[in-house]
Amino acid sequence: MADFDYSDTDWEAIERLKKWYSGDIHDSMEALGLWGCLEGISLLGALEPGDVVCGPAVTVLFEPSDRKGEPQDVYHNAIDNAPKGGIMVCDASCAPGSCSGELMSTGAKTHGCAATVVNGTVRDLAQVRALGYPLFGTMPSPIGVTGKKEPKKSQVPLKIGKATVKPGDVIFGDIDGVVVIPKEHVKAVADQADALGKEEATNRDRILAGEKLQAIWPAE
């Protein structure tokens, strides 16, 4: 049975991360020798300007399947057991078809999920945006999953490009993209982002005061 125990989630660090944007987060990760960008995945649902989503990952792995009738039990179970503020992360890249749209987004939002991230296509974007739900994917497609693939496993590591998403890792998403922070490095990344954010705020004030960029960068 999949493990949905999120009692050790560092919510304090997550709240600190929410003050910044994905560029700050990934710059902070690279400064620590880490890589977390989920390349090719972007915001396709709704997110207010300047807002971000940040929370622990609940993972679902799709595999090819010719079964009909929308056999989605594994995905539904993961949504139903996700912690409040969690982020669904689905690797559905194994075959054509959009595993998430209006109904999956409605279920996730109603249950308290902060967002859904799909390595694959998504659909029903007008309805998802009207719902006000942050849905991320590779691109829109009206194609369904039935007869092509189905969710087979939950709470397993997902390899997405150069990054790996494990259950409980922290997902950060905004209009620029999605970043995964390994659970064991969340506090260090939050500390680094706080320091970087303060430095950027100082530089912004200097620019607004009339200083030239070359007087500010590169920092000595």
N, C-alpha and C. Protein backbone atom coordinates (compact mmCIF):
# COMPACT_ATOMS: atom_id res chain seq x y z
N MET A 1 0.84 -1.20 0.00
CA MET A 1 0.00 0.00 0.00
C MET A 1 0.88 1.25 0.00
N ALA A 2 0.49 2.23 -0.78
CA ALA A 2 1.27 3.45 -0.88
C ALA A 2 1.27 4.20 0.45
N ASP A 3 2.37 4.88 0.75
CA ASP A 3 2.52 5.61 2.00
C ASP A 3 2.11 7.07 1.78
N PHE A 4 1.10 7.51 2.52
CA PHE A 4 0.63 8.88 2.42
C PHE A 4 0.82 9.64 3.74
N ASP A 5 1.87 9.29 4.48
CA ASP A 5 2.18 9.96 5.75
C ASP A 5 3.05 11.17 5.47
N TYR A 6 2.50 12.36 5.69
CA TYR A 6 3.22 13.61 5.43
C TYR A 6 3.48 14.39 6.72
N SER A 7 3.52 13.67 7.84
CA SER A 7 3.67 14.34 9.13
C SER A 7 5.02 15.03 9.30
N ASP A 8 6.02 14.62 8.52
CA ASP A 8 7.34 15.24 8.65
C ASP A 8 7.59 16.34 7.63
N THR A 9 6.55 16.80 6.95
CA THR A 9 6.69 17.89 5.98
C THR A 9 7.14 19.17 6.68
N ASP A 10 8.12 19.85 6.11
CA ASP A 10 8.63 21.09 6.69
C ASP A 10 7.79 22.27 6.16
N TRP A 11 6.64 22.47 6.78
CA TRP A 11 5.74 23.52 6.31
C TRP A 11 6.31 24.91 6.56
N GLU A 12 7.14 25.06 7.59
CA GLU A 12 7.75 26.36 7.84
C GLU A 12 8.65 26.78 6.68
N ALA A 13 9.46 25.85 6.19
CA ALA A 13 10.32 26.15 5.04
C ALA A 13 9.48 26.41 3.79
N ILE A 14 8.41 25.66 3.63
CA ILE A 14 7.52 25.85 2.47
C ILE A 14 6.93 27.26 2.49
N GLU A 15 6.51 27.73 3.64
CA GLU A 15 5.96 29.09 3.73
C GLU A 15 7.01 30.13 3.38
N ARG A 16 8.26 29.89 3.78
CA ARG A 16 9.32 30.84 3.42
C ARG A 16 9.58 30.83 1.93
N LEU A 17 9.54 29.65 1.32
CA LEU A 17 9.77 29.54 -0.12
C LEU A 17 8.71 30.31 -0.91
N LYS A 18 7.49 30.36 -0.40
CA LYS A 18 6.39 31.02 -1.11
C LYS A 18 6.60 32.52 -1.29
N LYS A 19 7.57 33.09 -0.59
CA LYS A 19 7.84 34.53 -0.73
C LYS A 19 8.56 34.84 -2.03
N TRP A 20 9.13 33.82 -2.68
CA TRP A 20 10.00 34.05 -3.83
C TRP A 20 9.37 33.52 -5.10
N TYR A 21 10.11 33.51 -6.18
CA TYR A 21 9.59 32.98 -7.45
C TYR A 21 10.54 31.89 -7.93
N SER A 22 10.14 31.19 -8.98
CA SER A 22 10.87 29.98 -9.37
C SER A 22 12.31 30.26 -9.77
N GLY A 23 12.59 31.44 -10.34
CA GLY A 23 13.97 31.79 -10.68
C GLY A 23 14.84 31.86 -9.44
N ASP A 24 14.32 32.48 -8.36
CA ASP A 24 15.05 32.52 -7.10
C ASP A 24 15.31 31.11 -6.58
N ILE A 25 14.27 30.28 -6.65
CA ILE A 25 14.38 28.93 -6.10
C ILE A 25 15.43 28.12 -6.85
N HIS A 26 15.39 28.18 -8.18
CA HIS A 26 16.34 27.36 -8.92
C HIS A 26 17.76 27.92 -8.82
N ASP A 27 17.91 29.24 -8.81
CA ASP A 27 19.23 29.82 -8.59
C ASP A 27 19.79 29.37 -7.24
N SER A 28 18.92 29.33 -6.24
CA SER A 28 19.35 28.89 -4.91
C SER A 28 19.76 27.43 -4.92
N MET A 29 19.02 26.61 -5.66
CA MET A 29 19.38 25.20 -5.76
C MET A 29 20.72 25.01 -6.46
N GLU A 30 20.92 25.74 -7.56
CA GLU A 30 22.18 25.60 -8.28
C GLU A 30 23.36 26.06 -7.43
N ALA A 31 23.14 27.07 -6.59
CA ALA A 31 24.20 27.53 -5.69
C ALA A 31 24.60 26.43 -4.70
N LEU A 32 23.65 25.51 -4.45
CA LEU A 32 23.91 24.40 -3.54
C LEU A 32 24.29 23.12 -4.28
N GLY A 33 24.50 23.22 -5.59
CA GLY A 33 24.89 22.06 -6.38
C GLY A 33 23.74 21.15 -6.74
N LEU A 34 22.51 21.68 -6.76
CA LEU A 34 21.31 20.88 -7.03
C LEU A 34 20.67 21.30 -8.35
N TRP A 35 19.85 20.42 -8.90
CA TRP A 35 19.07 20.72 -10.11
C TRP A 35 17.64 20.26 -9.89
N GLY A 36 16.66 21.15 -10.19
CA GLY A 36 15.28 20.78 -9.92
C GLY A 36 14.26 21.16 -10.96
N CYS A 37 14.68 21.77 -12.06
CA CYS A 37 13.71 22.23 -13.06
C CYS A 37 13.03 21.05 -13.76
N LEU A 38 11.70 21.05 -13.78
CA LEU A 38 10.95 20.07 -14.56
C LEU A 38 10.73 20.66 -15.94
N GLU A 39 11.71 20.45 -16.79
CA GLU A 39 11.75 21.10 -18.10
C GLU A 39 10.60 20.64 -19.00
N GLY A 40 10.05 21.59 -19.74
CA GLY A 40 8.98 21.29 -20.68
C GLY A 40 7.60 21.37 -20.08
N ILE A 41 7.51 21.62 -18.76
CA ILE A 41 6.21 21.70 -18.08
C ILE A 41 5.94 23.16 -17.72
N SER A 42 4.74 23.64 -18.07
CA SER A 42 4.41 25.04 -17.81
C SER A 42 2.98 25.17 -17.33
N LEU A 43 2.65 26.35 -16.83
CA LEU A 43 1.31 26.63 -16.33
C LEU A 43 0.32 26.70 -17.48
N LEU A 44 -0.74 25.90 -17.38
CA LEU A 44 -1.81 25.92 -18.39
C LEU A 44 -3.16 26.20 -17.75
N GLY A 45 -3.25 26.03 -16.44
CA GLY A 45 -4.47 26.35 -15.71
C GLY A 45 -4.43 27.76 -15.17
N ALA A 46 -5.03 27.98 -14.00
CA ALA A 46 -5.20 29.33 -13.45
C ALA A 46 -4.25 29.59 -12.30
N LEU A 47 -3.65 30.77 -12.31
CA LEU A 47 -2.84 31.25 -11.20
C LEU A 47 -2.81 32.77 -11.30
N GLU A 48 -3.17 33.44 -10.23
CA GLU A 48 -3.21 34.90 -10.25
C GLU A 48 -1.81 35.47 -10.45
N PRO A 49 -1.69 36.63 -11.12
CA PRO A 49 -0.37 37.22 -11.35
C PRO A 49 0.41 37.37 -10.05
N GLY A 50 1.63 36.88 -10.05
CA GLY A 50 2.49 36.97 -8.88
C GLY A 50 2.32 35.84 -7.88
N ASP A 51 1.27 35.03 -8.02
CA ASP A 51 1.05 33.92 -7.09
C ASP A 51 1.95 32.75 -7.42
N VAL A 52 2.22 31.93 -6.42
CA VAL A 52 2.99 30.70 -6.58
C VAL A 52 2.27 29.57 -5.88
N VAL A 53 2.65 28.33 -6.21
CA VAL A 53 2.19 27.17 -5.46
C VAL A 53 3.41 26.45 -4.93
N CYS A 54 3.30 25.91 -3.72
CA CYS A 54 4.43 25.22 -3.12
C CYS A 54 3.89 24.23 -2.10
N GLY A 55 4.27 22.97 -2.24
CA GLY A 55 3.79 21.95 -1.32
C GLY A 55 4.43 20.61 -1.60
N PRO A 56 4.17 19.62 -0.76
CA PRO A 56 4.78 18.30 -0.92
C PRO A 56 4.14 17.49 -2.06
N ALA A 57 4.98 16.74 -2.74
CA ALA A 57 4.53 15.98 -3.91
C ALA A 57 3.81 14.69 -3.52
N VAL A 58 2.72 14.42 -4.23
CA VAL A 58 2.05 13.12 -4.23
C VAL A 58 2.17 12.60 -5.64
N THR A 59 2.84 11.46 -5.84
CA THR A 59 3.21 11.04 -7.19
C THR A 59 2.32 9.92 -7.73
N VAL A 60 2.11 9.96 -9.04
CA VAL A 60 1.34 8.93 -9.75
C VAL A 60 2.05 8.60 -11.05
N LEU A 61 2.26 7.31 -11.31
CA LEU A 61 2.93 6.87 -12.54
C LEU A 61 1.94 6.17 -13.45
N PHE A 62 1.82 6.66 -14.68
CA PHE A 62 1.00 6.02 -15.71
C PHE A 62 1.86 5.08 -16.54
N GLU A 63 1.23 4.01 -17.02
CA GLU A 63 1.89 3.05 -17.91
C GLU A 63 0.95 2.72 -19.06
N PRO A 64 1.50 2.29 -20.21
CA PRO A 64 0.64 1.95 -21.34
C PRO A 64 -0.39 0.88 -20.96
N SER A 65 -1.61 1.03 -21.48
CA SER A 65 -2.68 0.08 -21.20
C SER A 65 -3.75 0.21 -22.27
N ASP A 66 -4.28 -0.92 -22.72
CA ASP A 66 -5.35 -0.87 -23.71
C ASP A 66 -6.72 -1.07 -23.06
N ARG A 67 -6.77 -1.05 -21.73
CA ARG A 67 -8.04 -1.21 -21.04
C ARG A 67 -8.94 -0.01 -21.30
N LYS A 68 -10.22 -0.26 -21.42
CA LYS A 68 -11.20 0.81 -21.64
C LYS A 68 -11.96 1.09 -20.34
N GLY A 69 -12.75 2.15 -20.35
CA GLY A 69 -13.59 2.46 -19.20
C GLY A 69 -12.93 3.31 -18.15
N GLU A 70 -11.88 4.07 -18.52
CA GLU A 70 -11.24 5.00 -17.60
C GLU A 70 -10.85 4.34 -16.28
N PRO A 71 -9.98 3.34 -16.29
CA PRO A 71 -9.54 2.70 -15.04
C PRO A 71 -8.55 3.60 -14.28
N GLN A 72 -9.09 4.46 -13.45
CA GLN A 72 -8.30 5.52 -12.81
C GLN A 72 -8.15 5.32 -11.30
N ASP A 73 -8.43 4.13 -10.76
CA ASP A 73 -8.46 3.94 -9.31
C ASP A 73 -7.21 4.42 -8.61
N VAL A 74 -6.04 4.15 -9.16
CA VAL A 74 -4.79 4.55 -8.51
C VAL A 74 -4.70 6.07 -8.40
N TYR A 75 -5.06 6.77 -9.44
CA TYR A 75 -5.03 8.24 -9.45
C TYR A 75 -6.06 8.79 -8.47
N HIS A 76 -7.28 8.26 -8.51
CA HIS A 76 -8.32 8.72 -7.61
C HIS A 76 -7.92 8.51 -6.15
N ASN A 77 -7.35 7.36 -5.86
CA ASN A 77 -6.93 7.05 -4.50
C ASN A 77 -5.85 8.03 -4.02
N ALA A 78 -4.92 8.37 -4.92
CA ALA A 78 -3.86 9.30 -4.56
C ALA A 78 -4.43 10.68 -4.26
N ILE A 79 -5.38 11.14 -5.06
CA ILE A 79 -6.01 12.43 -4.80
C ILE A 79 -6.74 12.40 -3.47
N ASP A 80 -7.49 11.33 -3.22
CA ASP A 80 -8.27 11.23 -2.01
C ASP A 80 -7.41 11.17 -0.75
N ASN A 81 -6.17 10.73 -0.87
CA ASN A 81 -5.28 10.59 0.28
C ASN A 81 -4.19 11.65 0.36
N ALA A 82 -4.21 12.59 -0.57
CA ALA A 82 -3.20 13.65 -0.56
C ALA A 82 -3.39 14.56 0.65
N PRO A 83 -2.31 15.06 1.21
CA PRO A 83 -2.44 16.00 2.34
C PRO A 83 -2.96 17.34 1.86
N LYS A 84 -3.64 18.07 2.72
CA LYS A 84 -4.07 19.41 2.36
C LYS A 84 -2.85 20.26 2.05
N GLY A 85 -2.86 20.92 0.90
CA GLY A 85 -1.71 21.71 0.47
C GLY A 85 -0.71 20.91 -0.35
N GLY A 86 -0.99 19.62 -0.56
CA GLY A 86 -0.11 18.79 -1.39
C GLY A 86 -0.27 19.11 -2.86
N ILE A 87 0.69 18.67 -3.64
CA ILE A 87 0.66 18.89 -5.09
C ILE A 87 0.74 17.54 -5.80
N MET A 88 -0.26 17.27 -6.62
CA MET A 88 -0.26 16.04 -7.41
C MET A 88 0.78 16.15 -8.52
N VAL A 89 1.60 15.12 -8.68
CA VAL A 89 2.59 15.08 -9.76
C VAL A 89 2.41 13.76 -10.50
N CYS A 90 2.03 13.85 -11.78
CA CYS A 90 1.76 12.67 -12.59
C CYS A 90 2.76 12.58 -13.74
N ASP A 91 3.38 11.42 -13.89
CA ASP A 91 4.16 11.16 -15.10
C ASP A 91 3.28 10.34 -16.02
N ALA A 92 2.72 11.01 -17.02
CA ALA A 92 1.82 10.37 -17.98
C ALA A 92 2.40 10.46 -19.39
N SER A 93 3.73 10.44 -19.47
CA SER A 93 4.41 10.65 -20.75
C SER A 93 4.55 9.38 -21.57
N CYS A 94 4.03 8.25 -21.08
CA CYS A 94 4.26 6.96 -21.72
C CYS A 94 3.45 6.75 -22.98
N ALA A 95 2.37 7.52 -23.17
CA ALA A 95 1.49 7.36 -24.33
C ALA A 95 0.67 8.63 -24.50
N PRO A 96 0.08 8.84 -25.69
CA PRO A 96 -0.77 10.02 -25.87
C PRO A 96 -1.97 10.00 -24.94
N GLY A 97 -2.49 11.19 -24.64
CA GLY A 97 -3.69 11.28 -23.82
C GLY A 97 -3.51 12.19 -22.63
N SER A 98 -4.56 12.95 -22.32
CA SER A 98 -4.54 13.89 -21.21
C SER A 98 -5.16 13.26 -19.97
N CYS A 99 -4.35 13.06 -18.94
CA CYS A 99 -4.83 12.38 -17.73
C CYS A 99 -5.54 13.32 -16.77
N SER A 100 -5.43 14.63 -16.99
CA SER A 100 -6.03 15.60 -16.08
C SER A 100 -6.75 16.69 -16.84
N GLY A 101 -7.93 17.02 -16.37
CA GLY A 101 -8.73 18.08 -16.96
C GLY A 101 -9.68 18.60 -15.90
N GLU A 102 -10.92 18.86 -16.30
CA GLU A 102 -11.87 19.47 -15.38
C GLU A 102 -12.17 18.60 -14.16
N LEU A 103 -12.49 17.32 -14.36
CA LEU A 103 -12.93 16.49 -13.24
C LEU A 103 -11.79 16.18 -12.28
N MET A 104 -10.62 15.84 -12.79
CA MET A 104 -9.49 15.56 -11.90
C MET A 104 -9.09 16.83 -11.14
N SER A 105 -9.14 17.97 -11.80
CA SER A 105 -8.80 19.23 -11.15
C SER A 105 -9.83 19.59 -10.10
N THR A 106 -11.11 19.36 -10.41
CA THR A 106 -12.17 19.63 -9.44
C THR A 106 -12.01 18.75 -8.20
N GLY A 107 -11.73 17.46 -8.43
CA GLY A 107 -11.52 16.55 -7.30
C GLY A 107 -10.34 16.96 -6.46
N ALA A 108 -9.23 17.32 -7.12
CA ALA A 108 -8.02 17.71 -6.39
C ALA A 108 -8.24 18.99 -5.60
N LYS A 109 -8.85 19.98 -6.22
CA LYS A 109 -9.09 21.24 -5.51
C LYS A 109 -10.04 21.05 -4.34
N THR A 110 -11.10 20.29 -4.56
CA THR A 110 -12.08 20.05 -3.50
C THR A 110 -11.44 19.35 -2.31
N HIS A 111 -10.49 18.46 -2.59
CA HIS A 111 -9.82 17.72 -1.52
C HIS A 111 -8.76 18.56 -0.81
N GLY A 112 -8.39 19.71 -1.38
CA GLY A 112 -7.42 20.58 -0.72
C GLY A 112 -6.05 20.60 -1.35
N CYS A 113 -5.90 19.99 -2.52
CA CYS A 113 -4.61 20.03 -3.20
C CYS A 113 -4.33 21.45 -3.70
N ALA A 114 -3.04 21.82 -3.72
CA ALA A 114 -2.66 23.17 -4.15
C ALA A 114 -2.52 23.28 -5.65
N ALA A 115 -2.23 22.17 -6.33
CA ALA A 115 -2.01 22.19 -7.79
C ALA A 115 -1.83 20.77 -8.28
N THR A 116 -1.84 20.62 -9.61
CA THR A 116 -1.51 19.36 -10.26
C THR A 116 -0.47 19.63 -11.33
N VAL A 117 0.58 18.82 -11.35
CA VAL A 117 1.66 18.93 -12.33
C VAL A 117 1.69 17.63 -13.13
N VAL A 118 1.61 17.74 -14.44
CA VAL A 118 1.57 16.56 -15.30
C VAL A 118 2.72 16.59 -16.30
N ASN A 119 3.52 15.54 -16.30
CA ASN A 119 4.49 15.35 -17.37
C ASN A 119 3.74 14.68 -18.52
N GLY A 120 3.05 15.48 -19.29
CA GLY A 120 2.18 15.01 -20.36
C GLY A 120 1.15 16.09 -20.65
N THR A 121 0.26 15.80 -21.56
CA THR A 121 -0.74 16.79 -21.96
C THR A 121 -1.88 16.86 -20.94
N VAL A 122 -2.61 17.98 -20.98
CA VAL A 122 -3.79 18.18 -20.14
C VAL A 122 -4.89 18.79 -21.01
N ARG A 123 -6.11 18.81 -20.48
CA ARG A 123 -7.21 19.32 -21.30
C ARG A 123 -8.27 20.04 -20.45
N ASP A 124 -9.37 20.45 -21.09
CA ASP A 124 -10.47 21.18 -20.45
C ASP A 124 -9.97 22.49 -19.83
N LEU A 125 -9.08 23.18 -20.52
CA LEU A 125 -8.43 24.33 -19.92
C LEU A 125 -9.41 25.47 -19.59
N ALA A 126 -10.42 25.68 -20.41
CA ALA A 126 -11.40 26.74 -20.10
C ALA A 126 -12.09 26.45 -18.78
N GLN A 127 -12.48 25.20 -18.58
CA GLN A 127 -13.16 24.82 -17.35
C GLN A 127 -12.21 24.85 -16.15
N VAL A 128 -10.97 24.41 -16.35
CA VAL A 128 -9.98 24.41 -15.26
C VAL A 128 -9.66 25.84 -14.84
N ARG A 129 -9.54 26.73 -15.81
CA ARG A 129 -9.26 28.13 -15.47
C ARG A 129 -10.45 28.77 -14.77
N ALA A 130 -11.67 28.43 -15.20
CA ALA A 130 -12.87 28.95 -14.52
C ALA A 130 -12.93 28.44 -13.08
N LEU A 131 -12.43 27.25 -12.87
CA LEU A 131 -12.36 26.67 -11.53
C LEU A 131 -11.33 27.38 -10.66
N GLY A 132 -10.37 28.04 -11.32
CA GLY A 132 -9.31 28.73 -10.58
C GLY A 132 -8.25 27.79 -10.07
N TYR A 133 -8.00 26.71 -10.81
CA TYR A 133 -7.07 25.69 -10.33
C TYR A 133 -5.75 25.74 -11.11
N PRO A 134 -4.61 25.69 -10.39
CA PRO A 134 -3.30 25.67 -11.07
C PRO A 134 -2.98 24.28 -11.62
N LEU A 135 -3.10 24.13 -12.91
CA LEU A 135 -2.79 22.88 -13.60
C LEU A 135 -1.60 23.13 -14.52
N PHE A 136 -0.57 22.32 -14.37
CA PHE A 136 0.64 22.44 -15.18
C PHE A 136 0.75 21.21 -16.07
N GLY A 137 1.25 21.38 -17.30
CA GLY A 137 1.45 20.26 -18.21
C GLY A 137 2.39 20.64 -19.33
N THR A 138 2.59 19.71 -20.26
CA THR A 138 3.50 19.98 -21.37
C THR A 138 2.82 20.77 -22.49
N MET A 139 1.53 20.49 -22.71
CA MET A 139 0.76 21.22 -23.72
C MET A 139 -0.69 20.75 -23.64
N PRO A 140 -1.62 21.49 -24.22
CA PRO A 140 -3.01 21.04 -24.22
C PRO A 140 -3.23 19.96 -25.29
N SER A 141 -4.18 19.06 -25.02
CA SER A 141 -4.61 18.08 -26.02
C SER A 141 -5.98 17.56 -25.63
N PRO A 142 -6.91 17.44 -26.59
CA PRO A 142 -8.24 16.91 -26.28
C PRO A 142 -8.27 15.39 -26.16
N ILE A 143 -7.18 14.71 -26.49
CA ILE A 143 -7.15 13.25 -26.50
C ILE A 143 -7.29 12.71 -25.08
N GLY A 144 -8.14 11.69 -24.90
CA GLY A 144 -8.31 11.04 -23.61
C GLY A 144 -7.32 9.90 -23.42
N VAL A 145 -7.32 9.33 -22.21
CA VAL A 145 -6.35 8.27 -21.89
C VAL A 145 -6.89 6.87 -22.12
N THR A 146 -8.21 6.70 -22.16
CA THR A 146 -8.78 5.35 -22.20
C THR A 146 -8.31 4.57 -23.42
N GLY A 147 -7.88 3.35 -23.17
CA GLY A 147 -7.36 2.49 -24.23
C GLY A 147 -5.92 2.79 -24.60
N LYS A 148 -5.29 3.72 -23.91
CA LYS A 148 -3.92 4.11 -24.23
C LYS A 148 -2.96 3.96 -23.04
N LYS A 149 -3.44 4.35 -21.86
CA LYS A 149 -2.60 4.26 -20.66
C LYS A 149 -3.50 4.35 -19.44
N GLU A 150 -2.95 3.96 -18.29
CA GLU A 150 -3.68 4.09 -17.04
C GLU A 150 -2.70 4.27 -15.89
N PRO A 151 -3.15 4.86 -14.77
CA PRO A 151 -2.27 5.00 -13.61
C PRO A 151 -2.05 3.64 -12.97
N LYS A 152 -0.79 3.24 -12.82
CA LYS A 152 -0.48 1.91 -12.30
C LYS A 152 0.10 1.95 -10.89
N LYS A 153 0.84 3.03 -10.56
CA LYS A 153 1.52 3.10 -9.27
C LYS A 153 1.40 4.51 -8.70
N SER A 154 1.37 4.58 -7.38
CA SER A 154 1.41 5.88 -6.71
C SER A 154 2.48 5.87 -5.64
N GLN A 155 2.93 7.06 -5.29
CA GLN A 155 3.95 7.26 -4.28
C GLN A 155 5.25 6.51 -4.62
N VAL A 156 5.65 6.66 -5.88
CA VAL A 156 6.92 6.12 -6.37
C VAL A 156 7.72 7.26 -6.98
N PRO A 157 9.05 7.13 -7.06
CA PRO A 157 9.85 8.18 -7.70
C PRO A 157 9.50 8.32 -9.18
N LEU A 158 9.48 9.55 -9.67
CA LEU A 158 9.21 9.83 -11.07
C LEU A 158 10.43 10.53 -11.66
N LYS A 159 10.93 10.02 -12.77
CA LYS A 159 12.05 10.65 -13.47
C LYS A 159 11.47 11.55 -14.55
N ILE A 160 11.68 12.86 -14.41
CA ILE A 160 11.17 13.84 -15.37
C ILE A 160 12.35 14.66 -15.87
N GLY A 161 12.81 14.38 -17.07
CA GLY A 161 13.99 15.06 -17.59
C GLY A 161 15.19 14.76 -16.72
N LYS A 162 15.90 15.80 -16.31
CA LYS A 162 17.09 15.64 -15.48
C LYS A 162 16.76 15.58 -13.99
N ALA A 163 15.50 15.71 -13.64
CA ALA A 163 15.10 15.75 -12.24
C ALA A 163 14.31 14.50 -11.85
N THR A 164 14.34 14.17 -10.59
CA THR A 164 13.55 13.08 -10.03
C THR A 164 12.64 13.65 -8.95
N VAL A 165 11.36 13.28 -9.01
CA VAL A 165 10.39 13.70 -8.00
C VAL A 165 10.04 12.50 -7.14
N LYS A 166 10.31 12.61 -5.85
CA LYS A 166 9.95 11.55 -4.91
C LYS A 166 8.79 12.03 -4.05
N PRO A 167 7.96 11.09 -3.56
CA PRO A 167 6.87 11.50 -2.66
C PRO A 167 7.42 12.29 -1.48
N GLY A 168 6.80 13.42 -1.18
CA GLY A 168 7.26 14.25 -0.08
C GLY A 168 8.25 15.32 -0.47
N ASP A 169 8.88 15.20 -1.65
CA ASP A 169 9.71 16.31 -2.14
C ASP A 169 8.82 17.53 -2.32
N VAL A 170 9.42 18.71 -2.28
CA VAL A 170 8.63 19.94 -2.36
C VAL A 170 8.60 20.45 -3.80
N ILE A 171 7.39 20.69 -4.28
CA ILE A 171 7.17 21.22 -5.63
C ILE A 171 6.88 22.71 -5.53
N PHE A 172 7.55 23.49 -6.37
CA PHE A 172 7.33 24.94 -6.45
C PHE A 172 6.95 25.27 -7.89
N GLY A 173 5.84 25.96 -8.06
CA GLY A 173 5.41 26.32 -9.41
C GLY A 173 4.90 27.74 -9.50
N ASP A 174 5.18 28.38 -10.63
CA ASP A 174 4.62 29.70 -10.91
C ASP A 174 4.52 29.86 -12.42
N ILE A 175 4.33 31.08 -12.88
CA ILE A 175 4.12 31.31 -14.31
C ILE A 175 5.34 30.94 -15.15
N ASP A 176 6.52 30.87 -14.53
CA ASP A 176 7.74 30.55 -15.27
C ASP A 176 8.02 29.05 -15.37
N GLY A 177 7.38 28.24 -14.54
CA GLY A 177 7.62 26.80 -14.62
C GLY A 177 7.54 26.12 -13.27
N VAL A 178 8.11 24.91 -13.21
CA VAL A 178 8.00 24.07 -12.02
C VAL A 178 9.38 23.57 -11.60
N VAL A 179 9.62 23.58 -10.29
CA VAL A 179 10.88 23.14 -9.71
C VAL A 179 10.57 22.12 -8.61
N VAL A 180 11.38 21.07 -8.52
CA VAL A 180 11.27 20.12 -7.42
C VAL A 180 12.49 20.27 -6.52
N ILE A 181 12.24 20.35 -5.23
CA ILE A 181 13.30 20.45 -4.23
C ILE A 181 13.33 19.16 -3.42
N PRO A 182 14.43 18.42 -3.43
CA PRO A 182 14.50 17.20 -2.62
C PRO A 182 14.15 17.50 -1.17
N LYS A 183 13.37 16.63 -0.58
CA LYS A 183 12.88 16.83 0.78
C LYS A 183 14.00 17.14 1.77
N GLU A 184 15.13 16.44 1.61
CA GLU A 184 16.23 16.59 2.56
C GLU A 184 16.97 17.92 2.42
N HIS A 185 16.68 18.66 1.34
CA HIS A 185 17.37 19.93 1.11
C HIS A 185 16.44 21.14 1.22
N VAL A 186 15.20 20.93 1.63
CA VAL A 186 14.22 22.02 1.60
C VAL A 186 14.63 23.19 2.49
N LYS A 187 15.05 22.92 3.70
CA LYS A 187 15.43 24.01 4.60
C LYS A 187 16.64 24.77 4.06
N ALA A 188 17.64 24.06 3.54
CA ALA A 188 18.82 24.72 3.00
C ALA A 188 18.46 25.60 1.81
N VAL A 189 17.57 25.12 0.95
CA VAL A 189 17.15 25.91 -0.21
C VAL A 189 16.37 27.13 0.24
N ALA A 190 15.51 26.97 1.24
CA ALA A 190 14.75 28.12 1.77
C ALA A 190 15.69 29.15 2.36
N ASP A 191 16.71 28.71 3.09
CA ASP A 191 17.69 29.64 3.66
C ASP A 191 18.43 30.39 2.55
N GLN A 192 18.83 29.65 1.51
CA GLN A 192 19.56 30.26 0.40
C GLN A 192 18.66 31.24 -0.35
N ALA A 193 17.39 30.87 -0.54
CA ALA A 193 16.45 31.76 -1.24
C ALA A 193 16.19 33.03 -0.45
N ASP A 194 16.12 32.91 0.87
CA ASP A 194 15.95 34.11 1.69
C ASP A 194 17.11 35.07 1.51
N ALA A 195 18.33 34.52 1.51
CA ALA A 195 19.52 35.37 1.34
C ALA A 195 19.55 35.99 -0.04
N LEU A 196 19.25 35.19 -1.07
CA LEU A 196 19.24 35.70 -2.44
C LEU A 196 18.16 36.75 -2.62
N GLY A 197 16.99 36.51 -2.03
CA GLY A 197 15.89 37.46 -2.16
C GLY A 197 16.23 38.81 -1.56
N LYS A 198 16.91 38.80 -0.43
CA LYS A 198 17.32 40.06 0.21
C LYS A 198 18.31 40.80 -0.68
N GLU A 199 19.23 40.06 -1.27
CA GLU A 199 20.22 40.67 -2.15
C GLU A 199 19.54 41.27 -3.38
N GLU A 200 18.58 40.55 -3.96
CA GLU A 200 17.88 41.07 -5.13
C GLU A 200 17.07 42.31 -4.78
N ALA A 201 16.46 42.32 -3.60
CA ALA A 201 15.68 43.50 -3.19
C ALA A 201 16.59 44.73 -3.06
N THR A 202 17.78 44.52 -2.52
CA THR A 202 18.74 45.63 -2.40
C THR A 202 19.14 46.14 -3.78
N ASN A 203 19.44 45.20 -4.69
CA ASN A 203 19.83 45.60 -6.05
C ASN A 203 18.69 46.31 -6.78
N ARG A 204 17.47 45.84 -6.56
CA ARG A 204 16.31 46.50 -7.19
C ARG A 204 16.21 47.94 -6.72
N ASP A 205 16.38 48.15 -5.41
CA ASP A 205 16.32 49.51 -4.86
C ASP A 205 17.42 50.39 -5.46
N ARG A 206 18.60 49.82 -5.64
CA ARG A 206 19.71 50.60 -6.21
C ARG A 206 19.41 50.98 -7.66
N ILE A 207 18.84 50.07 -8.42
CA ILE A 207 18.49 50.36 -9.82
C ILE A 207 17.43 51.46 -9.88
N LEU A 208 16.40 51.33 -9.03
CA LEU A 208 15.33 52.33 -9.01
C LEU A 208 15.85 53.70 -8.56
N ALA A 209 16.93 53.69 -7.79
CA ALA A 209 17.51 54.96 -7.34
C ALA A 209 18.41 55.59 -8.39
N GLY A 210 18.60 54.88 -9.52
CA GLY A 210 19.34 55.47 -10.62
C GLY A 210 20.72 54.90 -10.88
N GLU A 211 21.15 53.92 -10.08
CA GLU A 211 22.47 53.33 -10.33
C GLU A 211 22.47 52.52 -11.62
N LYS A 212 23.62 52.48 -12.28
CA LYS A 212 23.76 51.70 -13.50
C LYS A 212 23.98 50.23 -13.17
N LEU A 213 23.51 49.37 -14.07
CA LEU A 213 23.62 47.93 -13.84
C LEU A 213 25.07 47.49 -13.65
N GLN A 214 25.99 48.11 -14.39
CA GLN A 214 27.39 47.72 -14.28
C GLN A 214 28.02 48.09 -12.94
N ALA A 215 27.37 48.98 -12.23
CA ALA A 215 27.83 49.31 -10.88
C ALA A 215 27.38 48.28 -9.85
N ILE A 216 26.41 47.46 -10.26
CA ILE A 216 25.84 46.47 -9.35
C ILE A 216 26.33 45.07 -9.65
N TRP A 217 26.47 44.72 -10.95
CA TRP A 217 26.93 43.39 -11.37
C TRP A 217 28.23 43.52 -12.17
N PRO A 218 29.11 42.54 -12.07
CA PRO A 218 29.02 41.43 -11.10
C PRO A 218 29.33 41.89 -9.69
N ALA A 219 28.66 41.25 -8.74
CA ALA A 219 28.89 41.61 -7.34
C ALA A 219 30.31 41.18 -6.93
N GLU A 220 30.93 42.00 -6.14
CA GLU A 220 32.28 41.67 -5.68
C GLU A 220 32.23 40.85 -4.41
